[in-house]
Amino acid sequence: MPHHAGLSQAELSNRLSVSRQAVSKWESGAGLPDVENLKQMAKLFDVSVDHLLVDETATDRGEVAMRQPIDLASMQPYTIPGKRMGSRAHAAVLAAYPQATSVWALARSQRNTRSQNALEWIISLFSDANGFGIFGTADALSDHDARYLVESANRQLLVSVGQHEITSRELGERITGKKFTIGQDSFRRAVQVR
């Protein structure tokens, strides 16, 4: 957590109506504030929620990973104008990045490694079963997170929304196309949320 802008732990705890011990845990990294406290602190310090969650040591190493605890099941679904169904993941990303100028829901698929391609080929060659696509299917069945491309203040973030946590990574290169690849993951802009 960043510095408290000149406030003592007791002063910050009073302003947020939490215990001083909670603030101490946040400051030491032993705990994280909930979404409402993060919103209050962002307003108090005039910064974004993601700014509060930046791990400064990771930033020094060239990595930017921000984690924010959530309870996705308790959120009200957000419905995109003109769509019939709402999404709790949409609501979570919009709550985490209220200042975002653009939010795209992404479709994700995982590309095989060379060894996975070779294994699929061998399975198909030596059995009656078609081995092609088994790793992609296994990944799709095990990964339930929603992915988003979020743009805010000339920054782009790749955001993953799970049941209990939002994870965001700042992208080093600007994404402009409808399709893009990061590591083994291929992404496609599916629907614009904002």
N, C-alpha and C. Protein backbone atom coordinates (compact mmCIF):
# COMPACT_ATOMS: atom_id res chain seq x y z
N MET A 1 0.84 -1.18 0.00
CA MET A 1 0.00 0.00 0.00
C MET A 1 0.89 1.25 0.00
N PRO A 2 0.50 2.27 -0.73
CA PRO A 2 1.27 3.49 -0.73
C PRO A 2 1.17 4.24 0.60
N HIS A 3 1.98 5.28 0.71
CA HIS A 3 2.00 6.12 1.91
C HIS A 3 0.63 6.76 2.15
N HIS A 4 0.31 7.05 3.37
CA HIS A 4 -1.00 7.56 3.76
C HIS A 4 -1.12 9.08 3.64
N ALA A 5 -0.31 9.72 2.82
CA ALA A 5 -0.40 11.16 2.54
C ALA A 5 -0.35 11.99 3.82
N GLY A 6 0.55 11.65 4.73
CA GLY A 6 0.74 12.45 5.93
C GLY A 6 -0.18 12.12 7.08
N LEU A 7 -1.11 11.17 6.90
CA LEU A 7 -2.02 10.79 7.99
C LEU A 7 -1.38 9.68 8.82
N SER A 8 -1.59 9.74 10.12
CA SER A 8 -1.14 8.64 10.98
C SER A 8 -2.13 7.47 10.80
N GLN A 9 -1.73 6.31 11.28
CA GLN A 9 -2.63 5.15 11.22
C GLN A 9 -3.93 5.45 11.96
N ALA A 10 -3.83 6.11 13.12
CA ALA A 10 -5.03 6.43 13.91
C ALA A 10 -5.94 7.39 13.14
N GLU A 11 -5.35 8.41 12.49
CA GLU A 11 -6.15 9.37 11.73
C GLU A 11 -6.84 8.70 10.54
N LEU A 12 -6.11 7.85 9.83
CA LEU A 12 -6.70 7.15 8.69
C LEU A 12 -7.80 6.20 9.16
N SER A 13 -7.55 5.49 10.26
CA SER A 13 -8.57 4.55 10.77
C SER A 13 -9.84 5.30 11.17
N ASN A 14 -9.69 6.50 11.77
CA ASN A 14 -10.86 7.31 12.13
C ASN A 14 -11.64 7.75 10.90
N ARG A 15 -10.93 8.20 9.88
CA ARG A 15 -11.61 8.67 8.66
C ARG A 15 -12.34 7.55 7.92
N LEU A 16 -11.80 6.32 8.03
CA LEU A 16 -12.41 5.19 7.33
C LEU A 16 -13.34 4.38 8.21
N SER A 17 -13.39 4.71 9.50
CA SER A 17 -14.21 3.98 10.48
C SER A 17 -13.81 2.51 10.56
N VAL A 18 -12.49 2.29 10.63
CA VAL A 18 -11.94 0.94 10.83
C VAL A 18 -10.96 1.00 11.99
N SER A 19 -10.50 -0.14 12.45
CA SER A 19 -9.55 -0.16 13.56
C SER A 19 -8.15 0.24 13.09
N ARG A 20 -7.36 0.75 14.03
CA ARG A 20 -5.97 1.08 13.71
C ARG A 20 -5.20 -0.18 13.33
N GLN A 21 -5.56 -1.31 13.95
CA GLN A 21 -4.91 -2.58 13.64
C GLN A 21 -5.14 -2.98 12.17
N ALA A 22 -6.34 -2.69 11.66
CA ALA A 22 -6.63 -3.00 10.25
C ALA A 22 -5.72 -2.19 9.34
N VAL A 23 -5.56 -0.89 9.65
CA VAL A 23 -4.69 -0.03 8.85
C VAL A 23 -3.24 -0.53 8.93
N SER A 24 -2.83 -0.95 10.12
CA SER A 24 -1.48 -1.48 10.31
C SER A 24 -1.26 -2.72 9.45
N LYS A 25 -2.26 -3.61 9.39
CA LYS A 25 -2.16 -4.81 8.55
C LYS A 25 -2.06 -4.44 7.07
N TRP A 26 -2.84 -3.47 6.64
CA TRP A 26 -2.79 -3.04 5.24
C TRP A 26 -1.41 -2.50 4.91
N GLU A 27 -0.88 -1.67 5.82
CA GLU A 27 0.41 -1.04 5.58
C GLU A 27 1.54 -2.05 5.53
N SER A 28 1.45 -3.10 6.36
CA SER A 28 2.52 -4.11 6.40
C SER A 28 2.36 -5.18 5.34
N GLY A 29 1.23 -5.20 4.65
CA GLY A 29 0.99 -6.22 3.64
C GLY A 29 0.40 -7.50 4.21
N ALA A 30 0.04 -7.49 5.49
CA ALA A 30 -0.54 -8.67 6.13
C ALA A 30 -2.02 -8.81 5.82
N GLY A 31 -2.62 -7.80 5.22
CA GLY A 31 -4.03 -7.84 4.86
C GLY A 31 -4.32 -6.79 3.81
N LEU A 32 -5.50 -6.88 3.21
CA LEU A 32 -5.93 -5.90 2.21
C LEU A 32 -7.27 -5.32 2.61
N PRO A 33 -7.48 -4.04 2.34
CA PRO A 33 -8.78 -3.45 2.63
C PRO A 33 -9.84 -3.99 1.67
N ASP A 34 -11.10 -3.95 2.09
CA ASP A 34 -12.17 -4.39 1.20
C ASP A 34 -12.43 -3.31 0.15
N VAL A 35 -13.29 -3.61 -0.81
CA VAL A 35 -13.54 -2.72 -1.94
C VAL A 35 -14.05 -1.36 -1.47
N GLU A 36 -14.96 -1.34 -0.50
CA GLU A 36 -15.51 -0.06 -0.04
C GLU A 36 -14.43 0.81 0.61
N ASN A 37 -13.55 0.19 1.42
CA ASN A 37 -12.46 0.96 2.02
C ASN A 37 -11.50 1.47 0.96
N LEU A 38 -11.24 0.66 -0.07
CA LEU A 38 -10.37 1.11 -1.16
C LEU A 38 -10.98 2.31 -1.88
N LYS A 39 -12.28 2.26 -2.11
CA LYS A 39 -12.95 3.40 -2.76
C LYS A 39 -12.84 4.66 -1.90
N GLN A 40 -13.05 4.51 -0.59
CA GLN A 40 -12.96 5.66 0.32
C GLN A 40 -11.54 6.24 0.33
N MET A 41 -10.53 5.35 0.36
CA MET A 41 -9.15 5.82 0.36
C MET A 41 -8.80 6.50 -0.96
N ALA A 42 -9.27 5.95 -2.07
CA ALA A 42 -9.00 6.55 -3.37
C ALA A 42 -9.56 7.97 -3.43
N LYS A 43 -10.78 8.13 -2.89
CA LYS A 43 -11.40 9.46 -2.87
C LYS A 43 -10.63 10.38 -1.91
N LEU A 44 -10.27 9.88 -0.74
CA LEU A 44 -9.54 10.66 0.25
C LEU A 44 -8.20 11.16 -0.27
N PHE A 45 -7.46 10.29 -0.97
CA PHE A 45 -6.12 10.64 -1.46
C PHE A 45 -6.13 11.16 -2.89
N ASP A 46 -7.32 11.22 -3.51
CA ASP A 46 -7.47 11.70 -4.88
C ASP A 46 -6.60 10.89 -5.86
N VAL A 47 -6.70 9.56 -5.76
CA VAL A 47 -6.00 8.64 -6.66
C VAL A 47 -6.99 7.56 -7.08
N SER A 48 -6.60 6.74 -8.04
CA SER A 48 -7.45 5.63 -8.45
C SER A 48 -7.27 4.45 -7.50
N VAL A 49 -8.23 3.54 -7.51
CA VAL A 49 -8.13 2.33 -6.69
C VAL A 49 -6.91 1.51 -7.11
N ASP A 50 -6.67 1.40 -8.43
CA ASP A 50 -5.52 0.61 -8.89
C ASP A 50 -4.20 1.22 -8.41
N HIS A 51 -4.13 2.54 -8.28
CA HIS A 51 -2.92 3.17 -7.76
C HIS A 51 -2.64 2.70 -6.32
N LEU A 52 -3.68 2.56 -5.54
CA LEU A 52 -3.50 2.10 -4.16
C LEU A 52 -2.99 0.67 -4.08
N LEU A 53 -3.26 -0.12 -5.10
CA LEU A 53 -2.92 -1.54 -5.06
C LEU A 53 -1.61 -1.89 -5.76
N VAL A 54 -0.92 -0.91 -6.33
CA VAL A 54 0.33 -1.19 -7.03
C VAL A 54 1.38 -1.65 -6.02
N ASP A 55 1.99 -2.79 -6.33
CA ASP A 55 3.10 -3.30 -5.54
C ASP A 55 4.36 -2.59 -6.04
N GLU A 56 4.87 -1.61 -5.27
CA GLU A 56 5.97 -0.78 -5.73
C GLU A 56 7.24 -1.58 -5.96
N THR A 57 7.47 -2.66 -5.21
CA THR A 57 8.67 -3.46 -5.45
C THR A 57 8.55 -4.20 -6.78
N ALA A 58 7.33 -4.64 -7.12
CA ALA A 58 7.14 -5.29 -8.42
C ALA A 58 7.31 -4.28 -9.54
N THR A 59 6.87 -3.04 -9.34
CA THR A 59 7.03 -2.00 -10.34
C THR A 59 8.51 -1.76 -10.61
N ASP A 60 9.33 -1.77 -9.56
CA ASP A 60 10.77 -1.58 -9.73
C ASP A 60 11.39 -2.70 -10.56
N ARG A 61 10.81 -3.89 -10.52
CA ARG A 61 11.31 -5.02 -11.31
C ARG A 61 10.72 -5.03 -12.71
N GLY A 62 9.87 -4.07 -13.03
CA GLY A 62 9.26 -4.03 -14.35
C GLY A 62 7.95 -4.80 -14.41
N GLU A 63 7.46 -5.30 -13.29
CA GLU A 63 6.19 -6.02 -13.25
C GLU A 63 5.17 -5.13 -12.54
N VAL A 64 3.97 -5.12 -13.03
CA VAL A 64 2.92 -4.41 -12.33
C VAL A 64 1.74 -5.36 -12.20
N ALA A 65 1.54 -5.89 -11.02
CA ALA A 65 0.41 -6.78 -10.75
C ALA A 65 -0.35 -6.22 -9.57
N MET A 66 -1.62 -5.96 -9.77
CA MET A 66 -2.44 -5.42 -8.70
C MET A 66 -3.52 -6.45 -8.38
N ARG A 67 -3.73 -6.69 -7.12
CA ARG A 67 -4.76 -7.64 -6.69
C ARG A 67 -5.73 -6.92 -5.77
N GLN A 68 -7.00 -7.21 -5.99
CA GLN A 68 -8.04 -6.57 -5.19
C GLN A 68 -9.04 -7.65 -4.79
N PRO A 69 -9.27 -7.86 -3.49
CA PRO A 69 -10.25 -8.85 -3.07
C PRO A 69 -11.67 -8.40 -3.40
N ILE A 70 -12.50 -9.34 -3.82
CA ILE A 70 -13.92 -9.06 -4.10
C ILE A 70 -14.75 -10.25 -3.67
N ASP A 71 -16.04 -10.06 -3.60
CA ASP A 71 -17.00 -11.14 -3.42
C ASP A 71 -17.95 -11.05 -4.61
N LEU A 72 -17.59 -11.72 -5.69
CA LEU A 72 -18.32 -11.59 -6.94
C LEU A 72 -19.79 -12.00 -6.78
N ALA A 73 -20.04 -13.02 -5.97
CA ALA A 73 -21.42 -13.51 -5.81
C ALA A 73 -22.35 -12.47 -5.21
N SER A 74 -21.80 -11.52 -4.45
CA SER A 74 -22.65 -10.52 -3.80
C SER A 74 -22.93 -9.30 -4.68
N MET A 75 -22.31 -9.22 -5.85
CA MET A 75 -22.48 -8.04 -6.71
C MET A 75 -23.74 -8.16 -7.57
N GLN A 76 -24.33 -6.98 -7.83
CA GLN A 76 -25.48 -6.92 -8.74
C GLN A 76 -24.96 -6.95 -10.17
N PRO A 77 -25.52 -7.79 -11.03
CA PRO A 77 -25.06 -7.84 -12.42
C PRO A 77 -25.23 -6.50 -13.13
N TYR A 78 -24.27 -6.16 -13.96
CA TYR A 78 -24.34 -4.96 -14.78
C TYR A 78 -24.76 -5.38 -16.19
N THR A 79 -25.78 -4.73 -16.71
CA THR A 79 -26.26 -5.04 -18.06
C THR A 79 -25.84 -3.95 -19.01
N ILE A 80 -25.14 -4.32 -20.07
CA ILE A 80 -24.73 -3.37 -21.10
C ILE A 80 -25.98 -2.89 -21.82
N PRO A 81 -26.11 -1.58 -22.03
CA PRO A 81 -27.28 -1.08 -22.75
C PRO A 81 -27.47 -1.81 -24.09
N GLY A 82 -28.70 -2.26 -24.33
CA GLY A 82 -29.02 -2.99 -25.55
C GLY A 82 -28.85 -4.50 -25.44
N LYS A 83 -28.31 -4.98 -24.31
CA LYS A 83 -28.14 -6.43 -24.10
C LYS A 83 -29.19 -6.91 -23.11
N ARG A 84 -29.50 -8.19 -23.15
CA ARG A 84 -30.53 -8.75 -22.27
C ARG A 84 -29.98 -9.24 -20.94
N MET A 85 -28.80 -9.82 -20.97
CA MET A 85 -28.23 -10.44 -19.77
C MET A 85 -27.18 -9.55 -19.13
N GLY A 86 -27.15 -9.54 -17.80
CA GLY A 86 -26.15 -8.79 -17.06
C GLY A 86 -25.00 -9.70 -16.63
N SER A 87 -23.94 -9.10 -16.15
CA SER A 87 -22.77 -9.85 -15.71
C SER A 87 -22.22 -9.25 -14.42
N ARG A 88 -21.98 -10.11 -13.43
CA ARG A 88 -21.36 -9.67 -12.18
C ARG A 88 -19.89 -9.27 -12.43
N ALA A 89 -19.23 -9.98 -13.35
CA ALA A 89 -17.84 -9.64 -13.66
C ALA A 89 -17.75 -8.25 -14.27
N HIS A 90 -18.72 -7.89 -15.13
CA HIS A 90 -18.77 -6.53 -15.68
C HIS A 90 -18.89 -5.52 -14.53
N ALA A 91 -19.78 -5.79 -13.59
CA ALA A 91 -19.98 -4.90 -12.45
C ALA A 91 -18.70 -4.75 -11.63
N ALA A 92 -17.98 -5.85 -11.44
CA ALA A 92 -16.76 -5.83 -10.64
C ALA A 92 -15.68 -4.98 -11.30
N VAL A 93 -15.49 -5.15 -12.60
CA VAL A 93 -14.43 -4.39 -13.27
C VAL A 93 -14.79 -2.90 -13.35
N LEU A 94 -16.06 -2.59 -13.54
CA LEU A 94 -16.48 -1.19 -13.56
C LEU A 94 -16.34 -0.54 -12.18
N ALA A 95 -16.60 -1.30 -11.12
CA ALA A 95 -16.43 -0.78 -9.76
C ALA A 95 -14.95 -0.57 -9.44
N ALA A 96 -14.09 -1.46 -9.92
CA ALA A 96 -12.66 -1.35 -9.66
C ALA A 96 -12.03 -0.22 -10.46
N TYR A 97 -12.57 0.07 -11.64
CA TYR A 97 -12.00 1.11 -12.50
C TYR A 97 -13.08 2.10 -12.93
N PRO A 98 -13.61 2.88 -11.98
CA PRO A 98 -14.69 3.81 -12.32
C PRO A 98 -14.25 4.92 -13.27
N GLN A 99 -12.96 5.23 -13.32
CA GLN A 99 -12.46 6.30 -14.19
C GLN A 99 -12.05 5.79 -15.57
N ALA A 100 -12.23 4.50 -15.84
CA ALA A 100 -11.79 3.93 -17.13
C ALA A 100 -12.53 4.59 -18.28
N THR A 101 -11.79 4.89 -19.33
CA THR A 101 -12.39 5.48 -20.53
C THR A 101 -12.91 4.41 -21.48
N SER A 102 -12.35 3.19 -21.37
CA SER A 102 -12.75 2.10 -22.25
C SER A 102 -12.58 0.77 -21.51
N VAL A 103 -13.60 -0.09 -21.58
CA VAL A 103 -13.53 -1.42 -20.97
C VAL A 103 -14.08 -2.42 -21.99
N TRP A 104 -13.25 -3.37 -22.38
CA TRP A 104 -13.66 -4.41 -23.32
C TRP A 104 -13.64 -5.77 -22.64
N ALA A 105 -14.73 -6.52 -22.73
CA ALA A 105 -14.73 -7.92 -22.30
C ALA A 105 -13.98 -8.69 -23.38
N LEU A 106 -13.13 -9.63 -22.95
CA LEU A 106 -12.28 -10.37 -23.87
C LEU A 106 -12.67 -11.85 -23.91
N ALA A 107 -12.53 -12.43 -25.09
CA ALA A 107 -12.60 -13.88 -25.23
C ALA A 107 -11.15 -14.37 -25.22
N ARG A 108 -10.86 -15.40 -24.43
CA ARG A 108 -9.50 -15.90 -24.28
C ARG A 108 -9.41 -17.36 -24.67
N SER A 109 -8.33 -17.70 -25.33
CA SER A 109 -8.01 -19.11 -25.57
C SER A 109 -6.51 -19.29 -25.37
N GLN A 110 -6.13 -20.48 -24.99
CA GLN A 110 -4.72 -20.74 -24.72
C GLN A 110 -4.10 -21.47 -25.90
N ARG A 111 -2.96 -20.97 -26.35
CA ARG A 111 -2.23 -21.64 -27.43
C ARG A 111 -1.40 -22.77 -26.84
N ASN A 112 -1.27 -23.85 -27.59
CA ASN A 112 -0.46 -24.97 -27.14
C ASN A 112 1.03 -24.66 -27.22
N THR A 113 1.80 -25.29 -26.33
CA THR A 113 3.25 -25.27 -26.45
C THR A 113 3.63 -26.29 -27.51
N ARG A 114 4.88 -26.31 -27.92
CA ARG A 114 5.34 -27.31 -28.91
C ARG A 114 5.14 -28.73 -28.41
N SER A 115 5.46 -28.95 -27.13
CA SER A 115 5.31 -30.31 -26.59
C SER A 115 3.84 -30.73 -26.52
N GLN A 116 2.93 -29.79 -26.24
CA GLN A 116 1.51 -30.12 -26.25
C GLN A 116 1.04 -30.45 -27.66
N ASN A 117 1.51 -29.69 -28.65
CA ASN A 117 1.17 -30.00 -30.04
C ASN A 117 1.67 -31.39 -30.43
N ALA A 118 2.90 -31.71 -30.03
CA ALA A 118 3.46 -33.02 -30.35
C ALA A 118 2.67 -34.13 -29.67
N LEU A 119 2.29 -33.93 -28.43
CA LEU A 119 1.52 -34.94 -27.70
C LEU A 119 0.15 -35.15 -28.33
N GLU A 120 -0.52 -34.07 -28.74
CA GLU A 120 -1.81 -34.21 -29.42
C GLU A 120 -1.66 -34.99 -30.73
N TRP A 121 -0.58 -34.71 -31.45
CA TRP A 121 -0.33 -35.41 -32.71
C TRP A 121 -0.10 -36.90 -32.46
N ILE A 122 0.68 -37.24 -31.42
CA ILE A 122 0.96 -38.65 -31.08
C ILE A 122 -0.31 -39.36 -30.67
N ILE A 123 -1.15 -38.72 -29.86
CA ILE A 123 -2.42 -39.33 -29.43
C ILE A 123 -3.28 -39.63 -30.65
N SER A 124 -3.35 -38.70 -31.57
CA SER A 124 -4.16 -38.90 -32.78
C SER A 124 -3.58 -39.99 -33.67
N LEU A 125 -2.27 -40.09 -33.69
CA LEU A 125 -1.60 -41.08 -34.55
C LEU A 125 -1.78 -42.50 -34.02
N PHE A 126 -1.70 -42.68 -32.72
CA PHE A 126 -1.70 -44.03 -32.14
C PHE A 126 -3.01 -44.45 -31.49
N SER A 127 -4.05 -43.68 -31.65
CA SER A 127 -5.34 -44.10 -31.10
C SER A 127 -6.45 -43.72 -32.06
N ASP A 128 -7.60 -44.27 -31.82
CA ASP A 128 -8.76 -43.93 -32.64
C ASP A 128 -9.34 -42.57 -32.26
N ALA A 129 -8.92 -42.05 -31.10
CA ALA A 129 -9.43 -40.76 -30.62
C ALA A 129 -8.70 -39.61 -31.31
N ASN A 130 -9.41 -38.55 -31.51
CA ASN A 130 -8.81 -37.34 -32.04
C ASN A 130 -8.23 -36.57 -30.87
N GLY A 131 -6.90 -36.47 -30.77
CA GLY A 131 -6.25 -35.81 -29.65
C GLY A 131 -6.16 -34.31 -29.80
N PHE A 132 -6.50 -33.79 -30.97
CA PHE A 132 -6.35 -32.36 -31.19
C PHE A 132 -7.37 -31.57 -30.38
N GLY A 133 -6.88 -30.57 -29.67
CA GLY A 133 -7.75 -29.70 -28.89
C GLY A 133 -7.92 -30.10 -27.44
N ILE A 134 -7.29 -31.19 -26.99
CA ILE A 134 -7.52 -31.63 -25.61
C ILE A 134 -6.99 -30.64 -24.58
N PHE A 135 -5.85 -30.00 -24.87
CA PHE A 135 -5.30 -29.04 -23.90
C PHE A 135 -6.14 -27.77 -23.84
N GLY A 136 -6.61 -27.31 -24.99
CA GLY A 136 -7.48 -26.14 -25.02
C GLY A 136 -8.79 -26.39 -24.30
N THR A 137 -9.34 -27.60 -24.48
CA THR A 137 -10.59 -27.96 -23.80
C THR A 137 -10.38 -28.03 -22.30
N ALA A 138 -9.28 -28.64 -21.87
CA ALA A 138 -8.98 -28.74 -20.44
C ALA A 138 -8.81 -27.35 -19.83
N ASP A 139 -8.14 -26.44 -20.54
CA ASP A 139 -7.96 -25.08 -20.04
C ASP A 139 -9.30 -24.36 -19.92
N ALA A 140 -10.15 -24.50 -20.94
CA ALA A 140 -11.45 -23.82 -20.93
C ALA A 140 -12.33 -24.34 -19.79
N LEU A 141 -12.23 -25.62 -19.46
CA LEU A 141 -13.03 -26.19 -18.38
C LEU A 141 -12.52 -25.79 -17.00
N SER A 142 -11.23 -25.51 -16.88
CA SER A 142 -10.67 -25.22 -15.56
C SER A 142 -10.55 -23.72 -15.26
N ASP A 143 -10.58 -22.87 -16.28
CA ASP A 143 -10.40 -21.43 -16.08
C ASP A 143 -11.74 -20.73 -16.24
N HIS A 144 -12.27 -20.19 -15.14
CA HIS A 144 -13.58 -19.54 -15.17
C HIS A 144 -13.51 -18.02 -15.02
N ASP A 145 -12.29 -17.46 -14.99
CA ASP A 145 -12.15 -16.02 -14.83
C ASP A 145 -12.59 -15.28 -16.09
N ALA A 146 -13.15 -14.10 -15.90
CA ALA A 146 -13.49 -13.21 -17.02
C ALA A 146 -12.31 -12.28 -17.24
N ARG A 147 -12.00 -11.98 -18.49
CA ARG A 147 -10.86 -11.12 -18.82
C ARG A 147 -11.36 -9.83 -19.47
N TYR A 148 -10.64 -8.73 -19.20
CA TYR A 148 -11.00 -7.42 -19.72
C TYR A 148 -9.75 -6.66 -20.14
N LEU A 149 -9.90 -5.81 -21.14
CA LEU A 149 -8.90 -4.83 -21.51
C LEU A 149 -9.44 -3.48 -21.05
N VAL A 150 -8.75 -2.86 -20.08
CA VAL A 150 -9.21 -1.61 -19.48
C VAL A 150 -8.23 -0.50 -19.85
N GLU A 151 -8.77 0.61 -20.34
CA GLU A 151 -7.94 1.76 -20.67
C GLU A 151 -8.34 2.92 -19.76
N SER A 152 -7.30 3.51 -19.15
CA SER A 152 -7.53 4.62 -18.23
C SER A 152 -6.28 5.48 -18.19
N ALA A 153 -6.42 6.76 -18.41
CA ALA A 153 -5.31 7.72 -18.31
C ALA A 153 -4.08 7.26 -19.10
N ASN A 154 -4.26 6.95 -20.36
CA ASN A 154 -3.18 6.53 -21.26
C ASN A 154 -2.47 5.26 -20.82
N ARG A 155 -3.15 4.44 -20.02
CA ARG A 155 -2.62 3.14 -19.60
C ARG A 155 -3.60 2.07 -20.04
N GLN A 156 -3.08 0.91 -20.36
CA GLN A 156 -3.94 -0.24 -20.65
C GLN A 156 -3.63 -1.33 -19.64
N LEU A 157 -4.68 -1.95 -19.14
CA LEU A 157 -4.54 -3.02 -18.16
C LEU A 157 -5.24 -4.27 -18.67
N LEU A 158 -4.64 -5.41 -18.43
CA LEU A 158 -5.29 -6.69 -18.65
C LEU A 158 -5.83 -7.12 -17.30
N VAL A 159 -7.14 -7.23 -17.20
CA VAL A 159 -7.79 -7.47 -15.91
C VAL A 159 -8.47 -8.83 -15.94
N SER A 160 -8.25 -9.60 -14.88
CA SER A 160 -8.87 -10.91 -14.72
C SER A 160 -9.79 -10.86 -13.50
N VAL A 161 -11.06 -11.20 -13.69
CA VAL A 161 -12.04 -11.16 -12.59
C VAL A 161 -12.41 -12.59 -12.22
N GLY A 162 -12.07 -12.98 -10.99
CA GLY A 162 -12.44 -14.29 -10.47
C GLY A 162 -13.52 -14.14 -9.41
N GLN A 163 -13.84 -15.22 -8.74
CA GLN A 163 -14.88 -15.20 -7.72
C GLN A 163 -14.49 -14.35 -6.51
N HIS A 164 -13.19 -14.34 -6.17
CA HIS A 164 -12.76 -13.69 -4.94
C HIS A 164 -11.69 -12.62 -5.13
N GLU A 165 -11.28 -12.38 -6.39
CA GLU A 165 -10.17 -11.45 -6.59
C GLU A 165 -10.18 -10.90 -8.02
N ILE A 166 -9.78 -9.63 -8.13
CA ILE A 166 -9.51 -9.03 -9.43
C ILE A 166 -7.99 -8.86 -9.51
N THR A 167 -7.40 -9.36 -10.58
CA THR A 167 -5.97 -9.20 -10.81
C THR A 167 -5.78 -8.36 -12.05
N SER A 168 -4.95 -7.33 -11.96
CA SER A 168 -4.71 -6.43 -13.08
C SER A 168 -3.22 -6.32 -13.34
N ARG A 169 -2.86 -6.32 -14.62
CA ARG A 169 -1.47 -6.13 -15.02
C ARG A 169 -1.41 -5.03 -16.07
N GLU A 170 -0.52 -4.08 -15.84
CA GLU A 170 -0.34 -3.02 -16.83
C GLU A 170 0.40 -3.58 -18.03
N LEU A 171 -0.09 -3.25 -19.22
CA LEU A 171 0.52 -3.75 -20.45
C LEU A 171 1.65 -2.83 -20.88
N GLY A 172 2.77 -3.42 -21.27
CA GLY A 172 3.92 -2.65 -21.70
C GLY A 172 3.76 -2.09 -23.10
N GLU A 173 3.06 -2.82 -23.97
CA GLU A 173 2.84 -2.37 -25.34
C GLU A 173 1.36 -2.10 -25.54
N ARG A 174 1.06 -1.05 -26.29
CA ARG A 174 -0.33 -0.65 -26.52
C ARG A 174 -1.02 -1.64 -27.45
N ILE A 175 -2.22 -2.07 -27.07
CA ILE A 175 -3.05 -2.96 -27.86
C ILE A 175 -3.98 -2.10 -28.70
N THR A 176 -3.95 -2.28 -30.02
CA THR A 176 -4.84 -1.50 -30.88
C THR A 176 -5.78 -2.39 -31.69
N GLY A 177 -5.38 -3.62 -31.97
CA GLY A 177 -6.19 -4.50 -32.81
C GLY A 177 -7.30 -5.20 -32.04
N LYS A 178 -8.17 -5.85 -32.80
CA LYS A 178 -9.27 -6.61 -32.20
C LYS A 178 -8.75 -7.91 -31.58
N LYS A 179 -7.68 -8.48 -32.17
CA LYS A 179 -7.08 -9.71 -31.65
C LYS A 179 -5.65 -9.43 -31.24
N PHE A 180 -5.21 -10.08 -30.14
CA PHE A 180 -3.83 -9.93 -29.70
C PHE A 180 -3.43 -11.14 -28.87
N THR A 181 -2.12 -11.30 -28.71
CA THR A 181 -1.56 -12.44 -27.98
C THR A 181 -0.63 -11.92 -26.90
N ILE A 182 -0.74 -12.51 -25.70
CA ILE A 182 0.17 -12.23 -24.60
C ILE A 182 0.60 -13.59 -24.06
N GLY A 183 1.88 -13.89 -24.20
CA GLY A 183 2.38 -15.21 -23.79
C GLY A 183 1.69 -16.30 -24.59
N GLN A 184 1.13 -17.28 -23.90
CA GLN A 184 0.41 -18.37 -24.56
C GLN A 184 -1.07 -18.09 -24.73
N ASP A 185 -1.52 -16.93 -24.27
CA ASP A 185 -2.94 -16.61 -24.33
C ASP A 185 -3.25 -15.74 -25.54
N SER A 186 -4.27 -16.14 -26.28
CA SER A 186 -4.78 -15.35 -27.40
C SER A 186 -6.08 -14.70 -26.94
N PHE A 187 -6.25 -13.43 -27.26
CA PHE A 187 -7.42 -12.68 -26.84
C PHE A 187 -8.11 -12.07 -28.05
N ARG A 188 -9.42 -11.89 -27.91
CA ARG A 188 -10.23 -11.20 -28.92
C ARG A 188 -11.19 -10.29 -28.17
N ARG A 189 -11.29 -9.04 -28.63
CA ARG A 189 -12.27 -8.12 -28.01
C ARG A 189 -13.66 -8.65 -28.36
N ALA A 190 -14.44 -8.99 -27.33
CA ALA A 190 -15.75 -9.59 -27.56
C ALA A 190 -16.87 -8.55 -27.54
N VAL A 191 -16.92 -7.76 -26.46
CA VAL A 191 -17.98 -6.76 -26.34
C VAL A 191 -17.47 -5.57 -25.53
N GLN A 192 -17.87 -4.37 -25.95
CA GLN A 192 -17.45 -3.18 -25.21
C GLN A 192 -18.42 -2.96 -24.06
N VAL A 193 -17.87 -2.94 -22.84
CA VAL A 193 -18.66 -2.76 -21.62
C VAL A 193 -18.82 -1.26 -21.33
N ARG A 194 -17.78 -0.49 -21.59
CA ARG A 194 -17.83 0.98 -21.46
C ARG A 194 -17.04 1.57 -22.61
